[in-house]
N, C-alpha and C. Protein backbone atom coordinates (compact mmCIF):
# COMPACT_ATOMS: atom_id res chain seq x y z
N MET A 1 19.73 -26.84 -28.27
CA MET A 1 18.64 -26.42 -29.13
C MET A 1 17.29 -26.56 -28.43
N LYS A 2 17.06 -27.70 -27.74
CA LYS A 2 15.81 -27.89 -27.01
C LYS A 2 15.68 -26.85 -25.91
N ARG A 3 16.78 -26.58 -25.26
CA ARG A 3 16.76 -25.61 -24.15
C ARG A 3 16.39 -24.21 -24.66
N GLU A 4 16.92 -23.84 -25.82
CA GLU A 4 16.62 -22.53 -26.40
C GLU A 4 15.15 -22.43 -26.77
N ARG A 5 14.59 -23.50 -27.36
CA ARG A 5 13.17 -23.49 -27.71
C ARG A 5 12.30 -23.38 -26.47
N PHE A 6 12.68 -24.13 -25.43
CA PHE A 6 11.93 -24.08 -24.17
C PHE A 6 11.96 -22.66 -23.60
N LEU A 7 13.13 -22.05 -23.62
CA LEU A 7 13.28 -20.69 -23.10
C LEU A 7 12.44 -19.70 -23.91
N LEU A 8 12.47 -19.81 -25.22
CA LEU A 8 11.66 -18.92 -26.07
C LEU A 8 10.17 -19.13 -25.84
N LEU A 9 9.77 -20.39 -25.71
CA LEU A 9 8.37 -20.68 -25.45
C LEU A 9 7.93 -20.12 -24.10
N THR A 10 8.77 -20.26 -23.10
CA THR A 10 8.47 -19.73 -21.77
C THR A 10 8.34 -18.21 -21.80
N ILE A 11 9.27 -17.55 -22.47
CA ILE A 11 9.23 -16.08 -22.58
C ILE A 11 7.99 -15.64 -23.32
N ALA A 12 7.67 -16.33 -24.42
CA ALA A 12 6.47 -15.98 -25.20
C ALA A 12 5.20 -16.15 -24.38
N THR A 13 5.13 -17.24 -23.62
CA THR A 13 3.94 -17.51 -22.81
C THR A 13 3.76 -16.44 -21.74
N PHE A 14 4.79 -16.18 -20.97
CA PHE A 14 4.67 -15.19 -19.90
C PHE A 14 4.59 -13.78 -20.45
N GLY A 15 5.20 -13.55 -21.58
CA GLY A 15 5.11 -12.23 -22.22
C GLY A 15 3.69 -11.92 -22.65
N ALA A 16 2.99 -12.92 -23.14
CA ALA A 16 1.60 -12.73 -23.56
C ALA A 16 0.69 -12.46 -22.38
N MET A 17 1.04 -12.99 -21.20
CA MET A 17 0.21 -12.81 -20.01
C MET A 17 0.61 -11.57 -19.22
N LEU A 18 1.71 -10.96 -19.53
CA LEU A 18 2.22 -9.83 -18.76
C LEU A 18 1.22 -8.69 -18.61
N PRO A 19 0.53 -8.26 -19.68
CA PRO A 19 -0.43 -7.17 -19.49
C PRO A 19 -1.50 -7.47 -18.45
N VAL A 20 -1.93 -8.72 -18.36
CA VAL A 20 -2.94 -9.10 -17.38
C VAL A 20 -2.38 -8.96 -15.97
N TYR A 21 -1.20 -9.48 -15.75
CA TYR A 21 -0.61 -9.42 -14.43
C TYR A 21 -0.16 -8.02 -14.06
N ALA A 22 0.18 -7.21 -15.04
CA ALA A 22 0.63 -5.85 -14.76
C ALA A 22 -0.54 -4.91 -14.56
N GLY A 23 -1.75 -5.41 -14.72
CA GLY A 23 -2.93 -4.56 -14.53
C GLY A 23 -3.16 -3.63 -15.70
N LYS A 24 -2.52 -3.89 -16.83
CA LYS A 24 -2.64 -3.02 -17.98
C LYS A 24 -3.61 -3.54 -19.03
N ALA A 25 -4.23 -4.68 -18.77
CA ALA A 25 -5.20 -5.22 -19.71
C ALA A 25 -6.41 -4.30 -19.74
N THR A 26 -6.99 -4.15 -20.90
CA THR A 26 -8.16 -3.30 -21.04
C THR A 26 -9.33 -3.95 -20.32
N PRO A 27 -9.91 -3.26 -19.34
CA PRO A 27 -11.05 -3.85 -18.64
C PRO A 27 -12.25 -3.94 -19.58
N PRO A 28 -13.12 -4.91 -19.36
CA PRO A 28 -14.30 -5.04 -20.21
C PRO A 28 -15.22 -3.84 -20.04
N SER A 29 -15.95 -3.53 -21.08
CA SER A 29 -16.90 -2.42 -21.01
C SER A 29 -18.12 -2.86 -20.21
N GLY A 30 -18.91 -1.89 -19.78
CA GLY A 30 -20.14 -2.20 -19.06
C GLY A 30 -21.06 -3.07 -19.89
N GLN A 31 -21.11 -2.79 -21.18
CA GLN A 31 -21.96 -3.58 -22.07
C GLN A 31 -21.46 -5.02 -22.15
N GLN A 32 -20.15 -5.22 -22.21
CA GLN A 32 -19.60 -6.58 -22.25
C GLN A 32 -19.89 -7.32 -20.95
N ILE A 33 -19.73 -6.65 -19.82
CA ILE A 33 -20.01 -7.26 -18.52
C ILE A 33 -21.48 -7.65 -18.45
N PHE A 34 -22.35 -6.74 -18.88
CA PHE A 34 -23.79 -7.00 -18.86
C PHE A 34 -24.13 -8.20 -19.72
N LYS A 35 -23.59 -8.25 -20.92
CA LYS A 35 -23.87 -9.38 -21.82
C LYS A 35 -23.43 -10.70 -21.21
N GLN A 36 -22.29 -10.70 -20.54
CA GLN A 36 -21.76 -11.93 -19.97
C GLN A 36 -22.50 -12.38 -18.73
N HIS A 37 -22.87 -11.45 -17.86
CA HIS A 37 -23.42 -11.82 -16.56
C HIS A 37 -24.91 -11.54 -16.36
N CYS A 38 -25.48 -10.62 -17.09
CA CYS A 38 -26.81 -10.14 -16.74
C CYS A 38 -27.88 -10.32 -17.83
N ALA A 39 -27.47 -10.27 -19.08
CA ALA A 39 -28.43 -10.20 -20.19
C ALA A 39 -29.39 -11.38 -20.27
N SER A 40 -28.98 -12.54 -19.80
CA SER A 40 -29.88 -13.70 -19.93
C SER A 40 -31.17 -13.50 -19.14
N CYS A 41 -31.13 -12.76 -18.06
CA CYS A 41 -32.35 -12.49 -17.27
C CYS A 41 -32.84 -11.05 -17.40
N HIS A 42 -31.94 -10.14 -17.75
CA HIS A 42 -32.30 -8.72 -17.78
C HIS A 42 -32.14 -8.11 -19.16
N ALA A 43 -32.51 -8.84 -20.20
CA ALA A 43 -32.40 -8.33 -21.56
C ALA A 43 -33.12 -7.00 -21.71
N ASN A 44 -32.46 -6.05 -22.34
CA ASN A 44 -33.02 -4.71 -22.59
C ASN A 44 -33.49 -4.01 -21.31
N GLY A 45 -32.89 -4.36 -20.19
CA GLY A 45 -33.25 -3.70 -18.93
C GLY A 45 -34.49 -4.27 -18.27
N GLY A 46 -34.97 -5.38 -18.77
CA GLY A 46 -36.16 -6.01 -18.19
C GLY A 46 -35.81 -6.97 -17.07
N ASN A 47 -36.72 -7.87 -16.78
CA ASN A 47 -36.50 -8.89 -15.76
C ASN A 47 -37.37 -10.09 -16.12
N LEU A 48 -36.75 -11.14 -16.62
CA LEU A 48 -37.50 -12.32 -17.04
C LEU A 48 -38.08 -13.11 -15.87
N VAL A 49 -37.47 -13.00 -14.70
CA VAL A 49 -37.94 -13.74 -13.53
C VAL A 49 -39.11 -13.02 -12.87
N HIS A 50 -38.99 -11.72 -12.67
CA HIS A 50 -40.05 -10.90 -12.09
C HIS A 50 -40.31 -9.73 -13.03
N ARG A 51 -41.19 -9.94 -13.98
CA ARG A 51 -41.44 -8.92 -15.02
C ARG A 51 -41.89 -7.58 -14.43
N GLU A 52 -42.50 -7.62 -13.27
CA GLU A 52 -42.98 -6.38 -12.64
C GLU A 52 -41.84 -5.59 -11.98
N LYS A 53 -40.65 -6.14 -11.96
CA LYS A 53 -39.49 -5.48 -11.35
C LYS A 53 -38.34 -5.39 -12.34
N PRO A 54 -38.48 -4.55 -13.38
CA PRO A 54 -37.42 -4.46 -14.37
C PRO A 54 -36.16 -3.78 -13.81
N LEU A 55 -35.06 -4.05 -14.44
CA LEU A 55 -33.81 -3.40 -14.09
C LEU A 55 -33.88 -1.91 -14.42
N ALA A 56 -34.41 -1.60 -15.59
CA ALA A 56 -34.54 -0.20 -16.02
C ALA A 56 -35.43 0.57 -15.04
N GLY A 57 -34.91 1.67 -14.54
CA GLY A 57 -35.66 2.49 -13.61
C GLY A 57 -35.68 1.97 -12.18
N SER A 58 -34.93 0.93 -11.91
CA SER A 58 -34.90 0.32 -10.58
C SER A 58 -34.33 1.27 -9.53
N ALA A 59 -34.86 1.17 -8.34
CA ALA A 59 -34.33 1.97 -7.21
C ALA A 59 -32.89 1.60 -6.91
N GLU A 60 -32.47 0.39 -7.29
CA GLU A 60 -31.09 -0.05 -7.04
C GLU A 60 -30.09 0.72 -7.89
N LEU A 61 -30.59 1.47 -8.88
CA LEU A 61 -29.72 2.26 -9.73
C LEU A 61 -29.66 3.73 -9.33
N THR A 62 -30.22 4.07 -8.17
CA THR A 62 -30.21 5.47 -7.74
C THR A 62 -28.82 5.94 -7.32
N SER A 63 -27.97 5.00 -6.91
CA SER A 63 -26.58 5.35 -6.59
C SER A 63 -25.70 4.13 -6.78
N ILE A 64 -24.45 4.38 -7.05
CA ILE A 64 -23.53 3.26 -7.25
C ILE A 64 -23.32 2.49 -5.94
N ILE A 65 -23.42 3.18 -4.81
CA ILE A 65 -23.29 2.52 -3.51
C ILE A 65 -24.42 1.51 -3.32
N ARG A 66 -25.63 1.95 -3.64
CA ARG A 66 -26.79 1.07 -3.51
C ARG A 66 -26.70 -0.10 -4.50
N PHE A 67 -26.24 0.18 -5.70
CA PHE A 67 -26.07 -0.84 -6.73
C PHE A 67 -25.08 -1.92 -6.28
N LYS A 68 -23.94 -1.48 -5.77
CA LYS A 68 -22.92 -2.42 -5.31
C LYS A 68 -23.41 -3.23 -4.10
N LYS A 69 -24.12 -2.57 -3.19
CA LYS A 69 -24.65 -3.27 -2.02
C LYS A 69 -25.65 -4.35 -2.45
N TYR A 70 -26.49 -4.02 -3.42
CA TYR A 70 -27.48 -4.96 -3.93
C TYR A 70 -26.79 -6.18 -4.56
N LEU A 71 -25.76 -5.92 -5.37
CA LEU A 71 -25.04 -7.02 -6.02
C LEU A 71 -24.21 -7.83 -5.03
N SER A 72 -23.88 -7.23 -3.90
CA SER A 72 -23.13 -7.94 -2.87
C SER A 72 -23.99 -8.95 -2.12
N HIS A 73 -25.30 -8.73 -2.12
CA HIS A 73 -26.25 -9.63 -1.45
C HIS A 73 -27.47 -9.83 -2.36
N PRO A 74 -27.26 -10.50 -3.50
CA PRO A 74 -28.36 -10.63 -4.46
C PRO A 74 -29.50 -11.49 -3.92
N PRO A 75 -30.72 -11.12 -4.28
CA PRO A 75 -31.89 -11.86 -3.79
C PRO A 75 -32.17 -13.11 -4.61
N GLY A 76 -32.90 -14.01 -4.01
CA GLY A 76 -33.42 -15.19 -4.71
C GLY A 76 -32.38 -15.98 -5.47
N HIS A 77 -32.67 -16.19 -6.74
CA HIS A 77 -31.81 -17.02 -7.58
C HIS A 77 -30.77 -16.20 -8.34
N MET A 78 -30.73 -14.91 -8.10
CA MET A 78 -29.75 -14.08 -8.79
C MET A 78 -28.35 -14.46 -8.31
N PRO A 79 -27.44 -14.74 -9.25
CA PRO A 79 -26.10 -15.17 -8.84
C PRO A 79 -25.27 -14.04 -8.23
N TYR A 80 -24.33 -14.43 -7.42
CA TYR A 80 -23.38 -13.50 -6.81
C TYR A 80 -22.09 -13.58 -7.60
N TYR A 81 -21.65 -12.48 -8.16
CA TYR A 81 -20.43 -12.44 -8.95
C TYR A 81 -19.36 -11.71 -8.16
N GLN A 82 -18.62 -12.46 -7.37
CA GLN A 82 -17.59 -11.88 -6.51
C GLN A 82 -16.58 -11.09 -7.32
N ASN A 83 -16.23 -11.56 -8.52
CA ASN A 83 -15.25 -10.86 -9.34
C ASN A 83 -15.73 -9.46 -9.73
N LEU A 84 -17.03 -9.27 -9.83
CA LEU A 84 -17.56 -7.94 -10.14
C LEU A 84 -17.61 -7.05 -8.90
N VAL A 85 -18.17 -7.59 -7.85
CA VAL A 85 -18.35 -6.82 -6.61
C VAL A 85 -17.00 -6.36 -6.05
N GLY A 86 -15.98 -7.16 -6.24
CA GLY A 86 -14.66 -6.82 -5.72
C GLY A 86 -13.84 -5.93 -6.62
N ASN A 87 -14.39 -5.52 -7.77
CA ASN A 87 -13.63 -4.70 -8.71
C ASN A 87 -14.40 -3.40 -8.97
N ASP A 88 -13.95 -2.32 -8.35
CA ASP A 88 -14.66 -1.04 -8.44
C ASP A 88 -14.77 -0.51 -9.87
N LYS A 89 -13.77 -0.73 -10.70
CA LYS A 89 -13.83 -0.26 -12.09
C LYS A 89 -14.90 -1.01 -12.87
N MET A 90 -14.98 -2.32 -12.65
CA MET A 90 -15.99 -3.11 -13.35
C MET A 90 -17.40 -2.77 -12.86
N ILE A 91 -17.55 -2.59 -11.56
CA ILE A 91 -18.87 -2.22 -11.00
C ILE A 91 -19.30 -0.87 -11.57
N LYS A 92 -18.40 0.09 -11.61
CA LYS A 92 -18.72 1.43 -12.13
C LYS A 92 -19.12 1.34 -13.60
N SER A 93 -18.38 0.56 -14.36
CA SER A 93 -18.67 0.39 -15.78
C SER A 93 -20.03 -0.27 -15.98
N LEU A 94 -20.32 -1.31 -15.21
CA LEU A 94 -21.62 -1.98 -15.30
C LEU A 94 -22.74 -1.05 -14.86
N TYR A 95 -22.53 -0.33 -13.77
CA TYR A 95 -23.53 0.62 -13.26
C TYR A 95 -23.86 1.67 -14.33
N ASP A 96 -22.82 2.25 -14.92
CA ASP A 96 -23.04 3.28 -15.94
C ASP A 96 -23.82 2.71 -17.12
N TYR A 97 -23.52 1.48 -17.51
CA TYR A 97 -24.25 0.88 -18.62
C TYR A 97 -25.71 0.62 -18.24
N CYS A 98 -25.94 0.08 -17.07
CA CYS A 98 -27.31 -0.21 -16.62
C CYS A 98 -28.16 1.06 -16.53
N LYS A 99 -27.54 2.18 -16.22
CA LYS A 99 -28.27 3.45 -16.14
C LYS A 99 -28.78 3.91 -17.51
N THR A 100 -28.25 3.33 -18.60
CA THR A 100 -28.68 3.74 -19.93
C THR A 100 -30.04 3.15 -20.32
N PHE A 101 -30.49 2.12 -19.60
CA PHE A 101 -31.78 1.51 -19.92
C PHE A 101 -32.91 2.44 -19.48
N LYS A 102 -33.87 2.58 -20.34
CA LYS A 102 -35.03 3.42 -20.05
C LYS A 102 -36.20 2.53 -19.68
N LYS A 103 -36.89 2.92 -18.62
CA LYS A 103 -38.05 2.16 -18.16
C LYS A 103 -39.16 2.26 -19.19
N ALA A 104 -39.70 1.12 -19.55
CA ALA A 104 -40.78 1.07 -20.53
C ALA A 104 -42.05 1.64 -19.91
N PRO A 105 -42.82 2.38 -20.66
CA PRO A 105 -44.09 2.90 -20.13
C PRO A 105 -45.03 1.75 -19.81
N ARG A 106 -45.84 1.93 -18.78
CA ARG A 106 -46.81 0.89 -18.38
C ARG A 106 -47.89 0.78 -19.43
N SER A 107 -48.22 -0.46 -19.73
CA SER A 107 -49.31 -0.69 -20.68
C SER A 107 -50.57 -1.03 -19.90
N SER A 108 -51.70 -0.59 -20.40
CA SER A 108 -52.96 -0.83 -19.69
C SER A 108 -53.65 -2.06 -20.18
């Protein structure tokens, strides 16, 4: 009886993790990635550290190649997220989401 329960528990545990290992798990959306990794400093496409250099309208968003290169060697205190840089689907999703931010007009 104990052996059967152990076997069922083992199957249930690995069965629940199977989609992740099989690569069939739904990847996070660009918005989810942004909220988890970027929003604390770049809320609404801004930049809390360097307000004069917002994410919205940034030259780093002119191409996905440039975006990925920038994230591969982040400046200053910006963290390096190896899990993002190494995953082309996640980078593309994040890039597409970041492109939705509109640069705020300059105030005088």
